[in-house]
Protein backbone atom coordinates (compact mmCIF):
# COMPACT_ATOMS: atom_id res chain seq x y z
CA MET A 1 106.50 57.56 110.00
CA ASN A 2 103.87 56.55 112.32
CA GLN A 3 104.62 53.85 114.97
CA GLN A 4 101.31 52.27 114.67
CA GLU A 5 102.42 51.42 110.70
CA ILE A 6 105.54 49.96 111.50
CA GLU A 7 104.13 47.85 113.84
CA LYS A 8 101.93 46.82 111.63
CA ILE A 9 104.72 46.01 109.28
CA ILE A 10 106.71 44.38 111.79
CA LEU A 11 103.83 42.03 112.84
CA GLN A 12 102.91 40.85 108.80
CA ALA A 13 106.14 39.82 108.50
CA ALA A 14 106.23 37.83 111.77
CA GLU A 15 103.28 36.18 111.01
CA GLU A 16 104.17 35.28 107.02
CA THR A 17 107.70 34.10 108.80
CA HIS A 18 105.59 32.02 111.47
CA SER A 19 103.39 30.51 108.91
CA GLN A 20 106.40 29.26 106.80
CA LEU A 21 107.87 27.47 109.52
CA ALA A 22 104.48 26.10 110.49
CA ALA A 23 104.87 27.91 113.92
CA THR A 24 102.30 30.10 115.84
CA ILE A 25 103.54 33.66 116.41
CA ARG A 26 101.80 34.83 120.23
CA GLN A 27 100.48 38.53 119.20
CA ASP A 28 100.91 40.71 121.89
CA GLY A 29 101.53 43.74 120.30
CA ARG A 30 104.69 45.86 120.84
CA ASN A 31 105.60 42.66 123.34
CA THR A 32 105.12 39.87 120.73
CA PRO A 33 108.48 38.18 120.84
CA LEU A 34 110.19 37.56 117.91
CA PHE A 35 113.97 36.58 118.42
CA GLY A 36 115.43 34.74 121.57
CA ARG A 37 113.76 32.14 124.00
CA ASP A 38 110.27 31.17 123.72
CA THR A 39 109.89 31.63 119.67
CA PRO A 40 109.93 29.54 117.25
CA LEU A 41 112.42 31.24 115.02
CA ASP A 42 116.04 30.11 114.94
CA SER A 43 118.59 32.63 112.96
CA LEU A 44 117.59 31.44 109.94
CA ALA A 45 114.44 32.39 110.47
CA LEU A 46 115.69 35.97 112.35
CA VAL A 47 116.69 36.81 108.92
CA ALA A 48 113.56 35.92 106.86
CA LEU A 49 112.10 38.09 109.05
CA ILE A 50 114.42 41.16 108.76
CA ALA A 51 114.49 40.75 105.07
CA ALA A 52 110.39 40.77 104.95
CA VAL A 53 110.44 44.09 107.35
CA GLU A 54 112.66 45.48 105.03
CA THR A 55 110.97 44.54 102.30
CA GLY A 56 107.52 45.87 103.58
CA LEU A 57 109.46 49.09 104.96
CA ARG A 58 110.47 49.83 101.39
CA GLU A 59 106.91 49.09 100.24
CA HIS A 60 104.98 50.86 102.64
CA PHE A 61 107.34 54.20 102.81
CA ASP A 62 109.23 53.92 99.85
CA ARG A 63 112.39 54.19 101.71
CA ASP A 64 115.47 51.81 102.08
CA ILE A 65 115.89 51.01 105.60
CA LEU A 66 118.74 48.30 105.99
CA LEU A 67 118.29 46.61 109.84
CA VAL A 68 120.95 44.62 110.37
CA ASN A 69 124.58 46.97 110.96
CA GLU A 70 127.37 46.89 113.17
CA ASP A 71 125.11 49.10 115.51
CA ALA A 72 122.29 46.45 116.01
CA MET A 73 124.81 43.62 116.55
CA SER A 74 126.51 45.54 118.96
CA ARG A 75 123.94 46.21 121.18
CA ARG A 76 123.74 44.86 124.88
CA ARG A 77 120.02 44.38 124.10
CA SER A 78 118.72 42.94 120.65
CA PRO A 79 116.70 44.98 118.83
CA PHE A 80 115.29 42.26 117.27
CA ARG A 81 113.54 40.56 120.50
CA ASN A 82 110.37 41.83 120.15
CA VAL A 83 107.64 44.28 117.91
CA GLY A 84 108.32 47.43 120.11
CA ALA A 85 112.30 46.83 120.67
CA LEU A 86 111.89 46.60 116.88
CA CYS A 87 109.84 49.41 116.34
CA ASP A 88 111.94 51.79 118.17
CA TYR A 89 114.94 50.85 116.55
CA ILE A 90 113.31 51.35 113.22
CA GLN A 91 112.15 55.02 113.91
CA GLU A 92 115.79 55.21 115.38
CA LEU A 93 117.64 54.83 112.08
CA LEU A 94 114.59 56.92 110.70
CA ALA A 95 115.92 60.45 112.71
């Protein structure tokens, strides 16, 4: 899986999620914030974002990837904080 393809899937899912909230996402490539301070996403919107990313990965790469698991939740720094962190996390899961 190409990192740029994964980033594109994440950014598309973030844009869709933000548009459903009538919120604006600050597009900044790998540094685009997804969840946490200074983002319009609450925990319910994060669930929608994760589901959209998983769907995008399945459609694009024909692989099922579960992003939420004990490892993701127990990390000191959330893999859902920005596009780069989530992209790196997805690549870890695929390795």
